[in-house]
Amino acid sequence: MSETTFQEGSVFGQVVKNEHEQVVFCYDKASGLKAIIAVHNTVLGPAAGGTRMWMYKNEADALNDVLRLSRGMTLKNSVAGINLGGGKAVIIGNSRTDKSEALFRSFGKYVNSLAGKYITAEDVGIGTSDMEYVGMETEHVSGLPESMGGGGDPSPVTAYGVYLGMKASAKKAYGSDSLTGKKVSVQGVGHVGEHLVERLTNENATVYISDINEDSLKQVSEKFGATVVNKDEIYDLDVDIYAPCALGATINNDTLQRLKCDIVAGAANNQLRDETVHANACKDKNIIYAPDFLINSGGIINVYYEIIKSYNRDRAFAHTEKIYDTTLELFKKAEEENINTHEAAVRIALKRIEDVGRLKTTF
């Protein structure tokens, strides 16, 4: 059959470009649900990835976000060494004012309609209590409260992985992985960002924080002694490490002209506005970029053990500790192959998918 050509930027054009397997648009008038589920790749196992609730400007932005995030989950799950494919979901709405039991139960029905091809969990704007409602309509949900047999909040494990990736980056940059005395700017102090700030201050790093949520800023600043800066000023600070822990694309043409750091290592997904252009730009500026989908994989590692019905928090933390060595390995690979660190991490992830995919064709 001859291949149909789709216009660049069209829905099918974007799906074909990123090689997604399935995209589901979800709408329920009664509850007000407007959501998109994207299944990117299921070679390693069912697609797994959290659900994000965000007030997108339009549906094009929501689609672009869920497609990028789901592809990132494929890479993240592969490089983390777990048997899950990549998927993601977004709910269009204000997480402070638009939540309801009906909305999340309606979303749960859509997840259930995929018959296990997609397993959801919490992400930005979503908490474990929201997942309880989703879980009323489908068993294909993780990140449930510990009281329900789940793994609970995965953010401490995510933050631990980011912290280890940061230490590995310091080892590469300075010859020592100690963060004592290092100046670190943390953009975004939600659940993950707060746990990261705690680890940094416990190691006597000097921490600067910014966030759009004034209450979170005040709380984290008072709790850990971090210095609050304006949300735009965060890019201009003279620091050793910049840690983006909010939304993506903060590594771009504008910020790269302003950043004064040796290392970029944070929890946010899709930190590079353009994976090739801005990863190369970091390399050219001698900024060590720790690929986000590697060092922030602690959360999905935590969820994985819940999914396979073998949850143990200590086991999740132990698996997450591998991030340190893997980060150092990819730095070595990038140097040997003269490529940027993002590309090195992508190659590691895709090779595992290719190897496992080949195995599946032998029986």
Protein backbone atom coordinates (compact mmCIF):
# COMPACT_ATOMS: atom_id res chain seq x y z
CA MET A 1 0.00 0.00 0.00
CA SER A 2 1.35 3.44 -0.88
CA GLU A 3 2.11 5.67 2.10
CA THR A 4 -0.20 8.61 2.72
CA THR A 5 1.49 11.93 3.27
CA PHE A 6 0.14 13.99 6.16
CA GLN A 7 0.56 17.73 6.49
CA GLU A 8 3.25 18.73 8.98
CA GLY A 9 1.63 19.90 12.20
CA SER A 10 -1.62 18.02 11.55
CA VAL A 11 -2.78 15.47 14.13
CA PHE A 12 -1.73 12.50 12.00
CA GLY A 13 1.40 14.33 10.92
CA GLN A 14 2.51 14.62 14.53
CA VAL A 15 1.56 11.02 15.34
CA VAL A 16 3.48 9.67 12.34
CA LYS A 17 6.50 11.88 13.03
CA ASN A 18 6.85 10.54 16.58
CA GLU A 19 5.79 6.97 15.65
CA HIS A 20 3.00 6.76 18.20
CA GLU A 21 0.91 3.61 18.27
CA GLN A 22 -2.34 5.15 19.46
CA VAL A 23 -3.81 8.50 20.53
CA VAL A 24 -7.19 8.66 22.28
CA PHE A 25 -9.25 11.84 22.65
CA CYS A 26 -11.56 11.67 25.68
CA TYR A 27 -14.63 13.86 26.22
CA ASP A 28 -17.44 13.66 28.74
CA LYS A 29 -19.95 16.50 28.77
CA ALA A 30 -21.44 15.70 32.17
CA SER A 31 -18.16 15.83 34.11
CA GLY A 32 -16.42 18.35 31.84
CA LEU A 33 -13.62 15.90 31.04
CA LYS A 34 -11.38 16.84 28.13
CA ALA A 35 -8.33 14.60 27.98
CA ILE A 36 -5.85 12.99 25.60
CA ILE A 37 -4.12 9.64 26.13
CA ALA A 38 -1.05 8.93 24.01
CA VAL A 39 0.47 5.45 23.70
CA HIS A 40 3.90 5.78 22.12
CA ASN A 41 5.55 2.35 22.23
CA THR A 42 4.68 -0.99 23.84
CA VAL A 43 7.65 -3.16 22.80
CA LEU A 44 8.94 -3.48 26.38
CA GLY A 45 5.51 -3.84 27.95
CA PRO A 46 2.28 -1.92 28.53
CA ALA A 47 2.63 1.84 28.11
CA ALA A 48 3.01 3.51 31.49
CA GLY A 49 3.17 7.16 32.39
CA GLY A 50 1.38 9.68 34.56
CA THR A 51 -1.57 11.92 33.89
CA ARG A 52 -0.95 15.65 33.92
CA MET A 53 -3.71 18.22 34.62
CA TRP A 54 -2.94 21.61 33.16
CA MET A 55 -4.82 24.64 31.82
CA TYR A 56 -3.44 24.56 28.28
CA LYS A 57 -4.03 27.57 26.06
CA ASN A 58 -5.52 25.36 23.37
CA GLU A 59 -5.87 21.73 22.33
CA ALA A 60 -2.85 21.98 20.00
CA ASP A 61 -0.61 22.71 23.00
CA ALA A 62 -2.17 19.82 24.92
CA LEU A 63 -1.61 17.42 22.02
CA ASN A 64 1.98 18.54 21.53
CA ASP A 65 2.66 18.09 25.25
CA VAL A 66 1.17 14.61 25.53
CA LEU A 67 2.99 13.40 22.40
CA ARG A 68 6.35 14.67 23.64
CA LEU A 69 5.77 13.38 27.16
CA SER A 70 4.70 9.89 26.03
CA ARG A 71 7.75 9.54 23.76
CA GLY A 72 9.87 10.65 26.72
CA MET A 73 8.31 7.89 28.81
CA THR A 74 9.35 5.29 26.24
CA LEU A 75 12.95 6.46 26.56
CA LYS A 76 12.72 6.83 30.34
CA ASN A 77 11.29 3.37 30.96
CA SER A 78 13.83 1.77 28.64
CA VAL A 79 16.91 3.46 30.08
CA ALA A 80 15.65 2.70 33.60
CA GLY A 81 15.76 -1.01 32.76
CA ILE A 82 12.10 -1.72 33.53
CA ASN A 83 9.65 -3.71 31.42
CA LEU A 84 7.23 -0.94 30.51
CA GLY A 85 6.52 0.94 27.33
CA GLY A 86 5.83 4.65 27.07
CA GLY A 87 2.54 6.47 27.43
CA LYS A 88 1.13 9.63 28.96
CA ALA A 89 -2.15 11.44 29.43
CA VAL A 90 -3.19 15.06 29.88
CA ILE A 91 -6.41 16.43 31.30
CA ILE A 92 -7.19 19.96 30.14
CA GLY A 93 -8.32 21.97 33.14
CA ASN A 94 -7.37 23.92 36.25
CA SER A 95 -6.10 21.49 38.87
CA ARG A 96 -7.16 23.85 41.66
CA THR A 97 -10.75 24.46 40.60
CA ASP A 98 -11.86 21.82 38.07
CA LYS A 99 -11.31 18.56 39.90
CA SER A 100 -14.22 16.31 40.82
CA GLU A 101 -14.93 12.66 41.52
CA ALA A 102 -17.00 12.44 38.34
CA LEU A 103 -14.20 13.86 36.18
CA PHE A 104 -11.59 11.37 37.40
CA ARG A 105 -13.99 8.42 37.28
CA SER A 106 -14.89 9.36 33.72
CA PHE A 107 -11.19 9.48 32.88
CA GLY A 108 -10.79 6.08 34.55
CA LYS A 109 -13.39 4.63 32.18
CA TYR A 110 -11.36 5.80 29.19
CA VAL A 111 -8.19 4.29 30.66
CA ASN A 112 -10.07 1.05 31.22
CA SER A 113 -11.26 1.01 27.60
CA LEU A 114 -7.64 0.45 26.54
CA ALA A 115 -7.68 -2.92 28.33
CA GLY A 116 -4.28 -2.57 29.96
CA LYS A 117 -2.39 -1.12 27.03
CA TYR A 118 -1.95 2.07 29.09
CA ILE A 119 -1.34 2.24 32.85
CA THR A 120 -1.73 5.66 34.43
CA ALA A 121 -0.38 7.35 37.56
CA GLU A 122 -0.12 10.87 38.95
CA ASP A 123 1.87 13.70 37.39
CA VAL A 124 1.77 17.51 37.56
CA GLY A 125 -1.52 18.69 39.04
CA ILE A 126 -2.60 15.19 40.11
CA GLY A 127 -2.36 13.54 43.53
CA THR A 128 -2.83 10.11 45.01
CA SER A 129 -6.38 10.98 46.09
CA ASP A 130 -7.26 11.70 42.45
CA MET A 131 -5.88 8.30 41.48
CA GLU A 132 -8.24 6.73 44.01
CA TYR A 133 -11.18 7.94 41.92
CA VAL A 134 -9.55 6.74 38.71
CA GLY A 135 -8.98 3.39 40.40
CA MET A 136 -12.71 3.04 41.03
CA GLU A 137 -13.20 2.54 37.29
CA THR A 138 -10.05 0.67 36.24
CA GLU A 139 -7.38 -1.61 37.64
CA HIS A 140 -4.87 -0.10 35.22
CA VAL A 141 -3.78 2.60 37.63
CA SER A 142 -0.75 2.99 39.88
CA GLY A 143 0.50 5.57 42.32
CA LEU A 144 -2.29 4.68 44.71
CA PRO A 145 -2.01 5.55 48.43
CA GLU A 146 -0.08 3.13 50.61
CA SER A 147 -3.29 2.53 52.58
CA MET A 148 -4.71 0.93 49.42
CA GLY A 149 -1.67 -1.25 48.84
CA GLY A 150 -0.02 1.17 46.46
CA GLY A 151 3.39 2.80 46.45
CA GLY A 152 2.09 6.17 47.56
CA ASP A 153 3.71 9.43 46.53
CA PRO A 154 6.61 8.66 44.13
CA SER A 155 8.13 12.15 44.38
CA PRO A 156 10.73 11.30 47.08
CA VAL A 157 12.10 8.56 44.81
CA THR A 158 12.07 10.86 41.79
CA ALA A 159 13.97 13.51 43.74
CA TYR A 160 16.50 10.92 44.91
CA GLY A 161 17.27 9.96 41.31
CA VAL A 162 17.68 13.59 40.28
CA TYR A 163 19.98 14.15 43.23
CA LEU A 164 22.12 11.16 42.20
CA GLY A 165 22.22 12.35 38.59
CA MET A 166 23.32 15.74 39.85
CA LYS A 167 26.08 14.18 41.92
CA ALA A 168 27.27 12.14 38.94
CA SER A 169 27.33 15.34 36.89
CA ALA A 170 29.39 17.04 39.60
CA LYS A 171 31.79 14.10 39.51
CA LYS A 172 32.21 14.66 35.75
CA ALA A 173 32.55 18.44 36.04
CA TYR A 174 34.64 18.81 39.19
CA GLY A 175 36.22 15.42 39.86
CA SER A 176 34.19 15.00 43.04
CA ASP A 177 30.50 14.27 43.50
CA SER A 178 30.26 16.38 46.64
CA LEU A 179 27.65 19.14 46.44
CA THR A 180 28.82 20.83 49.64
CA GLY A 181 29.32 24.51 48.94
CA LYS A 182 27.89 24.26 45.42
CA LYS A 183 25.35 26.89 44.34
CA VAL A 184 22.20 25.31 42.93
CA SER A 185 19.16 27.05 41.46
CA VAL A 186 15.98 24.97 41.63
CA GLN A 187 13.17 26.10 39.34
CA GLY A 188 9.94 24.69 40.72
CA VAL A 189 9.42 23.52 44.30
CA GLY A 190 6.44 21.22 43.98
CA HIS A 191 6.61 17.76 45.52
CA VAL A 192 9.78 16.68 43.69
CA GLY A 193 11.46 20.07 43.89
CA GLU A 194 10.91 20.29 47.62
CA HIS A 195 12.43 16.86 48.25
CA LEU A 196 15.39 17.81 46.07
CA VAL A 197 15.91 21.04 48.02
CA GLU A 198 15.88 19.03 51.23
CA ARG A 199 18.64 16.71 49.98
CA LEU A 200 20.71 19.63 48.70
CA THR A 201 20.50 21.62 51.92
CA ASN A 202 21.30 18.49 53.94
CA GLU A 203 24.55 18.34 51.94
CA ASN A 204 25.20 22.01 52.68
CA ALA A 205 24.67 23.32 49.16
CA THR A 206 23.54 26.92 48.70
CA VAL A 207 20.08 26.75 47.16
CA TYR A 208 18.05 29.35 45.26
CA ILE A 209 14.41 28.64 44.42
CA SER A 210 11.67 30.03 42.19
CA ASP A 211 8.08 28.99 41.54
CA ILE A 212 4.80 30.48 40.32
CA ASN A 213 3.19 29.33 43.58
CA GLU A 214 4.01 31.87 46.27
CA ASP A 215 2.76 29.63 49.07
CA SER A 216 5.11 26.81 48.04
CA LEU A 217 8.02 29.23 47.84
CA LYS A 218 7.37 30.58 51.30
CA GLN A 219 6.98 27.13 52.82
CA VAL A 220 10.13 25.65 51.25
CA SER A 221 12.19 28.75 51.97
CA GLU A 222 11.24 28.79 55.64
CA LYS A 223 11.67 25.04 56.02
CA PHE A 224 15.10 24.70 54.40
CA GLY A 225 16.58 28.18 54.34
CA ALA A 226 16.62 28.42 50.55
CA THR A 227 16.81 31.88 48.97
CA VAL A 228 13.75 32.94 46.95
CA VAL A 229 14.34 34.63 43.59
CA ASN A 230 12.02 35.98 40.91
CA LYS A 231 10.77 33.33 38.46
CA ASP A 232 12.57 35.05 35.56
CA GLU A 233 15.71 35.89 37.54
CA ILE A 234 16.45 32.19 38.00
CA TYR A 235 18.10 32.07 34.55
CA ASP A 236 20.55 34.87 35.34
CA LEU A 237 22.01 33.60 38.59
CA ASP A 238 25.71 32.81 38.78
CA VAL A 239 25.45 29.21 40.00
CA ASP A 240 27.16 25.87 39.55
CA ILE A 241 24.01 23.87 38.79
CA TYR A 242 20.64 24.77 37.28
CA ALA A 243 17.87 22.32 38.20
CA PRO A 244 14.66 22.74 36.17
CA CYS A 245 11.90 21.01 38.15
CA ALA A 246 8.74 22.57 36.73
CA LEU A 247 7.49 22.38 33.13
CA GLY A 248 9.63 21.66 30.08
CA ALA A 249 11.42 23.61 27.35
CA THR A 250 13.30 25.93 29.73
CA ILE A 251 16.54 25.15 27.88
CA ASN A 252 16.10 27.25 24.76
CA ASN A 253 17.76 29.97 22.67
CA ASP A 254 16.92 32.70 25.18
CA THR A 255 17.90 30.93 28.40
CA LEU A 256 21.10 29.45 27.01
CA GLN A 257 22.38 32.98 26.44
CA ARG A 258 21.67 33.80 30.08
CA LEU A 259 22.55 30.66 32.04
CA LYS A 260 25.80 30.85 34.02
CA CYS A 261 26.22 27.27 35.18
CA ASP A 262 28.38 24.22 34.60
CA ILE A 263 25.59 21.66 34.92
CA VAL A 264 21.91 21.33 34.02
CA ALA A 265 20.30 18.54 36.05
CA GLY A 266 16.66 18.63 37.06
CA ALA A 267 13.39 16.76 37.35
CA ALA A 268 11.31 18.45 34.63
CA ASN A 269 10.40 16.45 31.54
CA ASN A 270 11.40 17.64 28.05
CA GLN A 271 13.76 20.35 29.30
CA LEU A 272 15.23 20.93 25.84
CA ARG A 273 12.95 22.94 23.57
CA ASP A 274 14.66 21.27 20.61
CA GLU A 275 16.42 18.03 21.50
CA THR A 276 19.13 18.30 18.86
CA VAL A 277 19.69 22.05 18.70
CA HIS A 278 19.76 22.73 22.41
CA ALA A 279 21.58 19.57 23.48
CA ASN A 280 24.31 20.51 21.00
CA ALA A 281 24.25 24.08 22.31
CA CYS A 282 24.86 22.81 25.86
CA LYS A 283 27.78 20.76 24.55
CA ASP A 284 29.22 23.76 22.70
CA LYS A 285 28.96 25.92 25.84
CA ASN A 286 30.62 23.19 27.95
CA ILE A 287 27.46 22.80 30.03
CA ILE A 288 27.04 19.23 31.23
CA TYR A 289 23.43 18.27 30.55
CA ALA A 290 22.12 15.29 32.52
CA PRO A 291 19.27 13.93 30.34
CA ASP A 292 15.98 14.44 32.12
CA PHE A 293 14.41 11.12 31.16
CA LEU A 294 17.32 9.31 32.81
CA ILE A 295 17.78 11.14 36.08
CA ASN A 296 14.07 11.70 36.79
CA SER A 297 13.17 8.04 36.27
CA GLY A 298 12.98 7.26 40.01
CA GLY A 299 9.24 7.96 40.03
CA ILE A 300 8.40 5.44 37.31
CA ILE A 301 10.78 2.94 38.92
CA ASN A 302 8.73 3.31 42.12
CA VAL A 303 5.52 2.85 40.15
CA TYR A 304 6.91 -0.18 38.29
CA TYR A 305 7.24 -2.24 41.46
CA GLU A 306 3.67 -1.37 42.31
CA ILE A 307 2.52 -2.45 38.84
CA ILE A 308 4.22 -5.86 39.05
CA LYS A 309 2.67 -6.45 42.49
CA SER A 310 6.05 -6.53 44.19
CA TYR A 311 6.13 -3.13 45.84
CA ASN A 312 8.78 -2.34 48.38
CA ARG A 313 9.98 1.22 48.94
CA ASP A 314 13.52 0.10 49.80
CA ARG A 315 13.66 -1.92 46.57
CA ALA A 316 12.55 1.12 44.58
CA PHE A 317 15.25 3.30 46.14
CA ALA A 318 17.87 0.58 45.53
CA HIS A 319 16.95 0.37 41.84
CA THR A 320 17.01 4.16 41.58
CA GLU A 321 20.59 4.21 42.87
CA LYS A 322 21.66 2.78 39.48
CA ILE A 323 21.00 6.21 37.98
CA TYR A 324 24.36 7.41 39.31
CA ASP A 325 26.41 4.83 37.40
CA THR A 326 24.25 5.02 34.28
CA THR A 327 24.72 8.79 34.16
CA LEU A 328 28.49 8.41 34.32
CA GLU A 329 28.34 5.72 31.62
CA LEU A 330 26.42 7.95 29.23
CA PHE A 331 28.85 10.83 29.81
CA LYS A 332 31.63 8.44 28.80
CA LYS A 333 29.66 7.29 25.73
CA ALA A 334 28.98 10.89 24.65
CA GLU A 335 32.65 11.73 24.94
CA GLU A 336 33.85 8.63 23.09
CA GLU A 337 31.36 9.07 20.25
CA ASN A 338 31.63 12.88 20.21
CA ILE A 339 27.88 13.36 20.56
CA ASN A 340 25.77 15.33 22.99
CA THR A 341 24.64 13.67 26.21
CA HIS A 342 20.97 13.62 25.21
CA GLU A 343 21.76 11.69 22.05
CA ALA A 344 23.93 9.28 24.05
CA ALA A 345 21.02 8.55 26.41
CA VAL A 346 18.59 8.13 23.50
CA ARG A 347 20.91 5.61 21.87
CA ILE A 348 21.14 3.60 25.08
CA ALA A 349 17.34 3.56 25.40
CA LEU A 350 16.64 2.68 21.76
CA LYS A 351 19.20 -0.11 21.73
CA ARG A 352 17.42 -1.85 24.61
CA ILE A 353 14.07 -1.51 22.82
CA GLU A 354 15.60 -2.88 19.62
CA ASP A 355 17.26 -5.80 21.41
CA VAL A 356 14.12 -6.78 23.30
CA GLY A 357 11.98 -6.30 20.18
CA ARG A 358 14.24 -8.71 18.31
CA LEU A 359 13.88 -11.28 21.07
CA LYS A 360 10.10 -11.14 20.79
CA THR A 361 10.24 -12.25 17.18
CA THR A 362 12.06 -15.49 17.99
CA PHE A 363 9.12 -17.53 19.25
